[in-house]
């Protein structure tokens, strides 16, 4: 089943990173622990590692684009998986909506208390 490849939490003070390079092309297979992409902060470079064996079904973000931490950058599937494009589009849209919801929840101000 297809799943989202996300920018990992890097433990930095920065909220976004530059997707500097992809190491795999769409359709390429990889193994758990393989570096599939490189992201850069202002001070460091990090490899994005595969969490399981799989195949890159789609690059969601192109090289040279800044993205937030935990953002979807690709869609991965199991070796031999052939999902239809509409299923991938739906998965990407759902991931973007979830990320937008999380970002707006983080930005909501604390309620003020009345001191009557």
Protein backbone atom coordinates (compact mmCIF):
# COMPACT_ATOMS: atom_id res chain seq x y z
CA UNK A 1 0.00 0.00 0.00
CA UNK A 2 1.32 3.43 -0.93
CA UNK A 3 2.42 5.75 1.86
CA UNK A 4 3.86 9.22 2.30
CA UNK A 5 7.59 9.90 2.58
CA UNK A 6 8.02 12.88 4.90
CA UNK A 7 10.83 15.20 5.90
CA UNK A 8 11.85 13.84 9.30
CA UNK A 9 11.90 15.91 12.46
CA UNK A 10 15.53 17.05 12.63
CA UNK A 11 15.74 18.53 16.11
CA UNK A 12 16.70 21.96 14.78
CA UNK A 13 15.27 25.37 15.53
CA UNK A 14 14.34 25.85 11.88
CA UNK A 15 10.80 25.19 10.69
CA UNK A 16 11.69 24.42 7.09
CA UNK A 17 14.42 22.83 4.99
CA UNK A 18 15.62 22.85 1.40
CA UNK A 19 15.13 19.62 -0.53
CA UNK A 20 18.62 19.70 -2.03
CA UNK A 21 18.78 16.41 -3.91
CA UNK A 22 16.92 13.23 -4.67
CA UNK A 23 19.01 10.04 -4.71
CA UNK A 24 16.24 7.93 -6.27
CA UNK A 25 14.08 8.49 -9.31
CA UNK A 26 10.42 7.59 -9.63
CA UNK A 27 10.22 3.83 -10.09
CA UNK A 28 13.54 3.15 -8.33
CA UNK A 29 13.64 0.55 -5.57
CA UNK A 30 15.45 1.11 -2.27
CA UNK A 31 16.11 -0.76 0.97
CA UNK A 32 15.30 0.18 4.54
CA UNK A 33 17.94 2.66 5.74
CA UNK A 34 18.97 3.80 2.25
CA UNK A 35 19.31 7.54 1.78
CA UNK A 36 16.62 8.60 -0.68
CA UNK A 37 17.06 12.39 -0.50
CA UNK A 38 19.10 15.16 1.10
CA UNK A 39 17.64 18.15 2.92
CA UNK A 40 19.54 21.20 4.12
CA UNK A 41 19.01 23.65 6.95
CA UNK A 42 20.96 26.88 7.22
CA UNK A 43 23.65 25.07 9.21
CA UNK A 44 23.57 21.36 8.32
CA UNK A 45 22.78 18.72 5.72
CA UNK A 46 20.69 15.64 6.52
CA UNK A 47 19.90 12.49 4.58
CA UNK A 48 16.29 11.33 4.46
CA UNK A 49 16.39 7.57 5.00
CA UNK A 50 13.85 5.00 3.86
CA UNK A 51 11.85 3.56 6.75
CA UNK A 52 11.23 0.29 4.87
CA UNK A 53 12.06 -1.47 1.61
CA UNK A 54 10.08 0.09 -1.21
CA UNK A 55 9.81 1.93 -4.50
CA UNK A 56 9.50 5.67 -5.08
CA UNK A 57 6.15 6.06 -6.82
CA UNK A 58 6.13 9.86 -7.06
CA UNK A 59 8.25 12.86 -6.14
CA UNK A 60 5.89 15.35 -4.55
CA UNK A 61 8.54 18.05 -4.09
CA UNK A 62 11.22 18.96 -6.63
CA UNK A 63 14.87 19.61 -5.83
CA UNK A 64 15.54 23.19 -4.78
CA UNK A 65 12.19 23.72 -3.03
CA UNK A 66 11.86 24.68 0.65
CA UNK A 67 9.41 22.58 2.67
CA UNK A 68 8.36 22.42 6.30
CA UNK A 69 9.45 19.68 8.66
CA UNK A 70 7.18 16.63 8.43
CA UNK A 71 5.95 17.75 4.98
CA UNK A 72 5.22 15.12 2.34
CA UNK A 73 8.04 14.98 -0.20
CA UNK A 74 7.26 11.70 -1.94
CA UNK A 75 4.99 8.70 -2.24
CA UNK A 76 6.46 5.25 -1.68
CA UNK A 77 5.05 1.82 -2.25
CA UNK A 78 5.95 -1.82 -1.94
CA UNK A 79 8.12 -3.42 -4.63
CA UNK A 80 5.90 -4.34 -7.57
CA UNK A 81 3.05 -2.05 -6.46
CA UNK A 82 1.27 -0.27 -9.31
CA UNK A 83 -1.30 2.14 -7.81
CA UNK A 84 -3.41 4.29 -10.09
CA UNK A 85 -2.52 7.97 -10.33
CA UNK A 86 -5.84 9.01 -8.74
CA UNK A 87 -5.01 6.99 -5.61
CA UNK A 88 -1.62 8.68 -5.34
CA UNK A 89 -3.22 12.11 -5.88
CA UNK A 90 -5.73 11.40 -3.10
CA UNK A 91 -2.97 10.26 -0.72
CA UNK A 92 -0.92 13.42 -1.42
CA UNK A 93 -3.97 15.69 -0.98
CA UNK A 94 -4.88 14.02 2.30
CA UNK A 95 -1.31 14.41 3.61
CA UNK A 96 -1.27 18.10 2.65
CA UNK A 97 -4.62 18.69 4.36
CA UNK A 98 -3.43 16.93 7.52
CA UNK A 99 -0.25 19.01 7.55
CA UNK A 100 -2.22 22.24 7.02
CA UNK A 101 -4.55 21.30 9.88
CA UNK A 102 -1.63 20.60 12.19
CA UNK A 103 0.01 23.90 11.27
CA UNK A 104 -3.15 25.91 11.92
CA UNK A 105 -3.68 24.15 15.26
CA UNK A 106 -0.13 25.09 16.25
CA UNK A 107 -0.79 28.71 15.30
CA UNK A 108 -4.06 29.16 17.22
CA UNK A 109 -3.68 31.65 20.06
CA UNK A 110 -4.34 30.66 23.63
CA UNK A 111 -7.79 31.70 24.88
CA UNK A 112 -7.78 34.72 27.16
CA UNK A 113 -9.30 34.52 30.61
CA UNK A 114 -11.62 37.08 32.04
CA UNK A 115 -10.58 38.59 35.37
CA UNK A 116 -14.04 39.60 36.57
